[in-house]
């Protein structure tokens, strides 16, 4: 079984890096509200990954975008995400302070923030979506497509566990520990991004694949 898609997804989603945002958005929540937010965020992340795995290629066909171009663009997006992580920033672009305050206001008003912004774009932003589509194209049979959906389950469970243990993890790791984990995952993601871009460029320009 090829675990590279799973490693890439976990590195991009990186729920550990989202813990400070989760704590911020759920301040003042009751235990029941916090559990409901965790369930919704984890399930939404699974839905996004599954949708990209099942219909992502059809969306590309609809817009007449070649997979090679998408691979290069997606790889570049992954590389940018990796650079963010190497600077101890989460992979996806995060909300500004004003956006955080707006999210807090929505939470105070009783609106759910589990889907936006926790799931999209904090957990499963453009980098995660493009990664799933690229690996969906490499799937050779239905079982490999189902494996991608299974990886979505793993990512959802990882997210639920991290969010459920947000307070203890934040106390044990602290900001420094979370930054170290983010940088390590960023290094792994950078290597995977270069590999994805190289695959796309070699298909667009076959001469690059010649030895």
C-alpha atoms as a PDB file:
ATOM      1  CA  UNK A   1       0.000   0.000   0.000  1.00  0.00           C
ATOM      2  CA  UNK A   2       1.322   3.432  -0.973  1.00  0.00           C
ATOM      3  CA  UNK A   3       1.240   5.654   2.105  1.00  0.00           C
ATOM      4  CA  UNK A   4       2.704   8.690   0.348  1.00  0.00           C
ATOM      5  CA  UNK A   5      -0.725  10.339  -0.193  1.00  0.00           C
ATOM      6  CA  UNK A   6      -1.548   9.855   3.489  1.00  0.00           C
ATOM      7  CA  UNK A   7       1.794  11.307   4.623  1.00  0.00           C
ATOM      8  CA  UNK A   8       1.321  14.284   2.308  1.00  0.00           C
ATOM      9  CA  UNK A   9      -2.237  14.931   3.495  1.00  0.00           C
ATOM     10  CA  UNK A  10      -1.338  14.711   7.173  1.00  0.00           C
ATOM     11  CA  UNK A  11       1.604  17.063   6.598  1.00  0.00           C
ATOM     12  CA  UNK A  12      -0.597  19.611   4.832  1.00  0.00           C
ATOM     13  CA  UNK A  13      -3.591  19.418   7.152  1.00  0.00           C
ATOM     14  CA  UNK A  14      -1.306  19.370  10.231  1.00  0.00           C
ATOM     15  CA  UNK A  15      -4.025  19.608  12.912  1.00  0.00           C
ATOM     16  CA  UNK A  16      -1.393  20.370  15.560  1.00  0.00           C
ATOM     17  CA  UNK A  17      -0.761  23.742  13.937  1.00  0.00           C
ATOM     18  CA  UNK A  18      -4.487  24.514  13.987  1.00  0.00           C
ATOM     19  CA  UNK A  19      -4.877  23.892  17.728  1.00  0.00           C
ATOM     20  CA  UNK A  20      -4.280  27.578  18.681  1.00  0.00           C
ATOM     21  CA  UNK A  21      -6.994  28.621  16.201  1.00  0.00           C
ATOM     22  CA  UNK A  22      -9.365  25.963  17.538  1.00  0.00           C
ATOM     23  CA  UNK A  23      -8.816  27.154  21.103  1.00  0.00           C
ATOM     24  CA  UNK A  24      -9.363  30.760  20.047  1.00  0.00           C
ATOM     25  CA  UNK A  25     -12.583  30.096  18.129  1.00  0.00           C
ATOM     26  CA  UNK A  26     -14.111  27.878  20.822  1.00  0.00           C
ATOM     27  CA  UNK A  27     -13.477  30.152  23.778  1.00  0.00           C
ATOM     28  CA  UNK A  28     -16.616  30.310  25.873  1.00  0.00           C
ATOM     29  CA  UNK A  29     -18.069  27.141  24.324  1.00  0.00           C
ATOM     30  CA  UNK A  30     -19.606  24.523  26.576  1.00  0.00           C
ATOM     31  CA  UNK A  31     -18.189  20.996  26.450  1.00  0.00           C
ATOM     32  CA  UNK A  32     -21.161  19.889  24.334  1.00  0.00           C
ATOM     33  CA  UNK A  33     -20.665  22.760  21.865  1.00  0.00           C
ATOM     34  CA  UNK A  34     -16.942  22.037  21.624  1.00  0.00           C
ATOM     35  CA  UNK A  35     -17.584  18.329  20.965  1.00  0.00           C
ATOM     36  CA  UNK A  36     -20.124  19.209  18.275  1.00  0.00           C
ATOM     37  CA  UNK A  37     -17.608  21.571  16.644  1.00  0.00           C
ATOM     38  CA  UNK A  38     -14.959  18.840  16.651  1.00  0.00           C
ATOM     39  CA  UNK A  39     -17.309  16.308  15.063  1.00  0.00           C
ATOM     40  CA  UNK A  40     -18.444  18.746  12.384  1.00  0.00           C
ATOM     41  CA  UNK A  41     -14.898  19.873  11.533  1.00  0.00           C
ATOM     42  CA  UNK A  42     -13.598  16.300  11.284  1.00  0.00           C
ATOM     43  CA  UNK A  43     -16.550  15.151   9.168  1.00  0.00           C
ATOM     44  CA  UNK A  44     -16.275  18.203   6.909  1.00  0.00           C
ATOM     45  CA  UNK A  45     -12.568  17.526   6.336  1.00  0.00           C
ATOM     46  CA  UNK A  46     -13.438  13.955   5.342  1.00  0.00           C
ATOM     47  CA  UNK A  47     -16.139  15.211   2.953  1.00  0.00           C
ATOM     48  CA  UNK A  48     -13.770  17.649   1.241  1.00  0.00           C
ATOM     49  CA  UNK A  49     -11.095  14.971   0.734  1.00  0.00           C
ATOM     50  CA  UNK A  50     -13.646  12.422  -0.506  1.00  0.00           C
ATOM     51  CA  UNK A  51     -15.225  14.882  -2.948  1.00  0.00           C
ATOM     52  CA  UNK A  52     -11.824  15.778  -4.400  1.00  0.00           C
ATOM     53  CA  UNK A  53     -10.965  12.084  -4.752  1.00  0.00           C
ATOM     54  CA  UNK A  54     -14.236  11.192  -6.476  1.00  0.00           C
ATOM     55  CA  UNK A  55     -15.045  14.180  -8.705  1.00  0.00           C
ATOM     56  CA  UNK A  56     -11.893  16.300  -8.729  1.00  0.00           C
ATOM     57  CA  UNK A  57     -10.754  15.007 -12.130  1.00  0.00           C
ATOM     58  CA  UNK A  58     -14.197  15.574 -13.632  1.00  0.00           C
ATOM     59  CA  UNK A  59     -14.050  19.193 -12.481  1.00  0.00           C
ATOM     60  CA  UNK A  60     -10.685  19.585 -14.244  1.00  0.00           C
ATOM     61  CA  UNK A  61     -12.175  18.096 -17.424  1.00  0.00           C
ATOM     62  CA  UNK A  62     -15.120  20.470 -17.202  1.00  0.00           C
ATOM     63  CA  UNK A  63     -12.781  23.471 -17.132  1.00  0.00           C
ATOM     64  CA  UNK A  64     -10.514  21.863 -19.759  1.00  0.00           C
ATOM     65  CA  UNK A  65      -7.451  21.948 -17.502  1.00  0.00           C
ATOM     66  CA  UNK A  66      -4.769  19.359 -18.224  1.00  0.00           C
ATOM     67  CA  UNK A  67      -3.612  17.276 -15.299  1.00  0.00           C
ATOM     68  CA  UNK A  68       0.008  18.104 -16.119  1.00  0.00           C
ATOM     69  CA  UNK A  69      -0.675  21.806 -15.673  1.00  0.00           C
ATOM     70  CA  UNK A  70      -2.620  21.098 -12.509  1.00  0.00           C
ATOM     71  CA  UNK A  71       0.246  18.949 -11.235  1.00  0.00           C
ATOM     72  CA  UNK A  72       2.788  21.726 -11.726  1.00  0.00           C
ATOM     73  CA  UNK A  73       0.453  24.329 -10.218  1.00  0.00           C
ATOM     74  CA  UNK A  74      -0.489  22.040  -7.350  1.00  0.00           C
ATOM     75  CA  UNK A  75       3.155  21.190  -6.719  1.00  0.00           C
ATOM     76  CA  UNK A  76       4.025  24.879  -6.627  1.00  0.00           C
ATOM     77  CA  UNK A  77       1.190  25.469  -4.184  1.00  0.00           C
ATOM     78  CA  UNK A  78       2.496  22.634  -2.022  1.00  0.00           C
ATOM     79  CA  UNK A  79       5.984  24.149  -2.121  1.00  0.00           C
ATOM     80  CA  UNK A  80       4.636  27.525  -1.016  1.00  0.00           C
ATOM     81  CA  UNK A  81       2.769  25.761   1.796  1.00  0.00           C
ATOM     82  CA  UNK A  82       5.968  23.942   2.770  1.00  0.00           C
ATOM     83  CA  UNK A  83       7.854  27.250   2.896  1.00  0.00           C
ATOM     84  CA  UNK A  84       5.171  28.637   5.211  1.00  0.00           C
ATOM     85  CA  UNK A  85       5.548  25.598   7.453  1.00  0.00           C
ATOM     86  CA  UNK A  86       9.354  25.854   7.477  1.00  0.00           C
ATOM     87  CA  UNK A  87       8.823  29.363   8.845  1.00  0.00           C
ATOM     88  CA  UNK A  88       6.646  27.818  11.589  1.00  0.00           C
ATOM     89  CA  UNK A  89       3.425  28.993   9.945  1.00  0.00           C
ATOM     90  CA  UNK A  90       0.539  26.603   9.104  1.00  0.00           C
ATOM     91  CA  UNK A  91       0.447  25.322   5.523  1.00  0.00           C
ATOM     92  CA  UNK A  92      -2.620  27.206   4.348  1.00  0.00           C
ATOM     93  CA  UNK A  93      -3.082  30.960   4.459  1.00  0.00           C
ATOM     94  CA  UNK A  94      -4.601  31.851   7.790  1.00  0.00           C
ATOM     95  CA  UNK A  95      -7.056  34.578   8.618  1.00  0.00           C
ATOM     96  CA  UNK A  96      -5.861  38.018   9.590  1.00  0.00           C
ATOM     97  CA  UNK A  97      -6.506  39.373  13.054  1.00  0.00           C
ATOM     98  CA  UNK A  98      -9.713  41.009  11.818  1.00  0.00           C
ATOM     99  CA  UNK A  99     -10.888  37.660  10.431  1.00  0.00           C
ATOM    100  CA  UNK A 100     -10.120  36.001  13.756  1.00  0.00           C
ATOM    101  CA  UNK A 101     -12.175  38.628  15.562  1.00  0.00           C
ATOM    102  CA  UNK A 102     -15.029  38.146  13.079  1.00  0.00           C
ATOM    103  CA  UNK A 103     -14.898  34.390  13.671  1.00  0.00           C
ATOM    104  CA  UNK A 104     -14.963  34.935  17.412  1.00  0.00           C
ATOM    105  CA  UNK A 105     -18.006  37.186  17.018  1.00  0.00           C
ATOM    106  CA  UNK A 106     -19.763  34.492  14.969  1.00  0.00           C
ATOM    107  CA  UNK A 107     -18.952  31.928  17.652  1.00  0.00           C
ATOM    108  CA  UNK A 108     -20.272  34.259  20.349  1.00  0.00           C
ATOM    109  CA  UNK A 109     -23.484  34.645  18.368  1.00  0.00           C
ATOM    110  CA  UNK A 110     -23.908  30.885  18.355  1.00  0.00           C
ATOM    111  CA  UNK A 111     -23.058  30.230  14.689  1.00  0.00           C
ATOM    112  CA  UNK A 112     -21.012  27.173  13.812  1.00  0.00           C
ATOM    113  CA  UNK A 113     -17.400  27.877  12.824  1.00  0.00           C
ATOM    114  CA  UNK A 114     -16.559  24.211  12.293  1.00  0.00           C
ATOM    115  CA  UNK A 115     -16.867  24.317   8.493  1.00  0.00           C
ATOM    116  CA  UNK A 116     -15.648  27.873   7.864  1.00  0.00           C
ATOM    117  CA  UNK A 117     -12.988  28.738   8.813  1.00  0.00           C
ATOM    118  CA  UNK A 118     -11.837  25.618  10.721  1.00  0.00           C
ATOM    119  CA  UNK A 119     -12.283  23.117   7.878  1.00  0.00           C
ATOM    120  CA  UNK A 120     -11.988  25.507   4.919  1.00  0.00           C
ATOM    121  CA  UNK A 121      -9.431  26.975   4.626  1.00  0.00           C
ATOM    122  CA  UNK A 122      -7.626  26.133   7.891  1.00  0.00           C
ATOM    123  CA  UNK A 123      -7.588  22.334   7.560  1.00  0.00           C
ATOM    124  CA  UNK A 124      -8.383  21.513   3.938  1.00  0.00           C
ATOM    125  CA  UNK A 125      -7.465  24.475   1.773  1.00  0.00           C
ATOM    126  CA  UNK A 126      -6.339  24.587  -1.876  1.00  0.00           C
ATOM    127  CA  UNK A 127      -3.085  22.706  -1.214  1.00  0.00           C
ATOM    128  CA  UNK A 128      -4.879  19.739   0.362  1.00  0.00           C
ATOM    129  CA  UNK A 129      -7.531  19.684  -2.375  1.00  0.00           C
ATOM    130  CA  UNK A 130      -5.007  19.769  -5.216  1.00  0.00           C
ATOM    131  CA  UNK A 131      -2.975  17.010  -3.577  1.00  0.00           C
ATOM    132  CA  UNK A 132      -5.985  14.668  -3.438  1.00  0.00           C
ATOM    133  CA  UNK A 133      -6.846  15.354  -7.093  1.00  0.00           C
ATOM    134  CA  UNK A 134      -3.267  14.642  -8.204  1.00  0.00           C
ATOM    135  CA  UNK A 135      -3.162  11.339  -6.353  1.00  0.00           C
ATOM    136  CA  UNK A 136      -6.666  10.458  -7.589  1.00  0.00           C
ATOM    137  CA  UNK A 137      -5.321  10.607 -11.152  1.00  0.00           C
ATOM    138  CA  UNK A 138      -2.553   8.184 -10.193  1.00  0.00           C
ATOM    139  CA  UNK A 139      -5.072   5.693  -8.802  1.00  0.00           C
ATOM    140  CA  UNK A 140      -5.183   2.676 -11.110  1.00  0.00           C
ATOM    141  CA  UNK A 141      -8.366   1.004  -9.852  1.00  0.00           C
ATOM    142  CA  UNK A 142     -11.363   1.468  -7.603  1.00  0.00           C
ATOM    143  CA  UNK A 143      -9.472   0.128  -4.596  1.00  0.00           C
ATOM    144  CA  UNK A 144      -6.885   2.879  -4.793  1.00  0.00           C
ATOM    145  CA  UNK A 145      -9.676   5.453  -5.014  1.00  0.00           C
ATOM    146  CA  UNK A 146     -11.256   3.869  -1.943  1.00  0.00           C
ATOM    147  CA  UNK A 147      -7.846   4.033  -0.245  1.00  0.00           C
ATOM    148  CA  UNK A 148      -7.813   7.804  -0.805  1.00  0.00           C
ATOM    149  CA  UNK A 149     -11.224   8.034   0.846  1.00  0.00           C
ATOM    150  CA  UNK A 150      -9.850   5.869   3.657  1.00  0.00           C
ATOM    151  CA  UNK A 151      -6.997   8.328   4.074  1.00  0.00           C
ATOM    152  CA  UNK A 152      -9.680  11.001   4.453  1.00  0.00           C
ATOM    153  CA  UNK A 153     -11.053   8.971   7.371  1.00  0.00           C
ATOM    154  CA  UNK A 154      -7.578   8.858   8.935  1.00  0.00           C
ATOM    155  CA  UNK A 155      -7.172  12.622   8.521  1.00  0.00           C
ATOM    156  CA  UNK A 156     -10.623  13.183  10.072  1.00  0.00           C
ATOM    157  CA  UNK A 157      -9.797  10.947  13.040  1.00  0.00           C
ATOM    158  CA  UNK A 158      -6.421  12.664  13.507  1.00  0.00           C
ATOM    159  CA  UNK A 159      -8.142  16.036  13.455  1.00  0.00           C
ATOM    160  CA  UNK A 160     -10.764  14.913  15.975  1.00  0.00           C
ATOM    161  CA  UNK A 161      -8.114  13.533  18.335  1.00  0.00           C
ATOM    162  CA  UNK A 162      -5.931  16.651  18.133  1.00  0.00           C
ATOM    163  CA  UNK A 163      -8.871  18.986  18.711  1.00  0.00           C
ATOM    164  CA  UNK A 164     -10.226  16.829  21.539  1.00  0.00           C
ATOM    165  CA  UNK A 165      -6.835  17.009  23.267  1.00  0.00           C
ATOM    166  CA  UNK A 166      -6.215  20.638  22.277  1.00  0.00           C
ATOM    167  CA  UNK A 167      -5.727  22.009  25.775  1.00  0.00           C
ATOM    168  CA  UNK A 168      -3.359  19.240  27.025  1.00  0.00           C
ATOM    169  CA  UNK A 169      -1.360  19.304  23.755  1.00  0.00           C
ATOM    170  CA  UNK A 170      -1.008  23.074  23.914  1.00  0.00           C
ATOM    171  CA  UNK A 171       0.228  22.825  27.506  1.00  0.00           C
ATOM    172  CA  UNK A 172       2.696  19.979  26.852  1.00  0.00           C
ATOM    173  CA  UNK A 173       4.151  21.100  23.525  1.00  0.00           C
ATOM    174  CA  UNK A 174       3.791  24.818  23.960  1.00  0.00           C
ATOM    175  CA  UNK A 175       4.306  27.207  21.075  1.00  0.00           C
ATOM    176  CA  UNK A 176       7.905  26.038  20.561  1.00  0.00           C
ATOM    177  CA  UNK A 177       6.935  22.377  20.310  1.00  0.00           C
ATOM    178  CA  UNK A 178       4.154  23.087  17.826  1.00  0.00           C
ATOM    179  CA  UNK A 179       6.571  25.190  15.744  1.00  0.00           C
ATOM    180  CA  UNK A 180       9.125  22.357  15.680  1.00  0.00           C
ATOM    181  CA  UNK A 181       6.490  19.841  14.523  1.00  0.00           C
ATOM    182  CA  UNK A 182       5.291  22.276  11.856  1.00  0.00           C
ATOM    183  CA  UNK A 183       8.846  22.746  10.524  1.00  0.00           C
ATOM    184  CA  UNK A 184       9.465  18.980  10.377  1.00  0.00           C
ATOM    185  CA  UNK A 185       6.258  18.420   8.416  1.00  0.00           C
ATOM    186  CA  UNK A 186       7.170  21.354   6.180  1.00  0.00           C
ATOM    187  CA  UNK A 187      10.470  19.700   5.282  1.00  0.00           C
ATOM    188  CA  UNK A 188       8.694  16.479   4.325  1.00  0.00           C
ATOM    189  CA  UNK A 189       6.120  18.419   2.338  1.00  0.00           C
ATOM    190  CA  UNK A 190       8.806  20.372   0.440  1.00  0.00           C
ATOM    191  CA  UNK A 191      10.382  17.130  -0.798  1.00  0.00           C
ATOM    192  CA  UNK A 192       6.997  15.765  -1.858  1.00  0.00           C
ATOM    193  CA  UNK A 193       6.139  19.049  -3.612  1.00  0.00           C
ATOM    194  CA  UNK A 194       9.311  18.924  -5.707  1.00  0.00           C
ATOM    195  CA  UNK A 195       8.483  15.339  -6.696  1.00  0.00           C
ATOM    196  CA  UNK A 196       4.940  16.313  -7.768  1.00  0.00           C
ATOM    197  CA  UNK A 197       6.218  19.265  -9.823  1.00  0.00           C
ATOM    198  CA  UNK A 198       8.920  17.128 -11.436  1.00  0.00           C
ATOM    199  CA  UNK A 199       6.307  14.579 -12.488  1.00  0.00           C
ATOM    200  CA  UNK A 200       4.138  17.245 -14.094  1.00  0.00           C
ATOM    201  CA  UNK A 201       7.036  18.994 -15.853  1.00  0.00           C
ATOM    202  CA  UNK A 202       8.376  15.714 -17.257  1.00  0.00           C
ATOM    203  CA  UNK A 203       4.949  15.029 -18.808  1.00  0.00           C
ATOM    204  CA  UNK A 204       4.686  18.536 -20.264  1.00  0.00           C
ATOM    205  CA  UNK A 205       8.280  18.512 -21.510  1.00  0.00           C
ATOM    206  CA  UNK A 206       9.318  14.887 -22.204  1.00  0.00           C
ATOM    207  CA  UNK A 207      12.871  15.998 -22.953  1.00  0.00           C
ATOM    208  CA  UNK A 208      13.288  16.622 -19.208  1.00  0.00           C
ATOM    209  CA  UNK A 209      12.665  12.940 -18.562  1.00  0.00           C
ATOM    210  CA  UNK A 210      15.455  11.855 -20.901  1.00  0.00           C
ATOM    211  CA  UNK A 211      18.649  10.678 -19.248  1.00  0.00           C
END
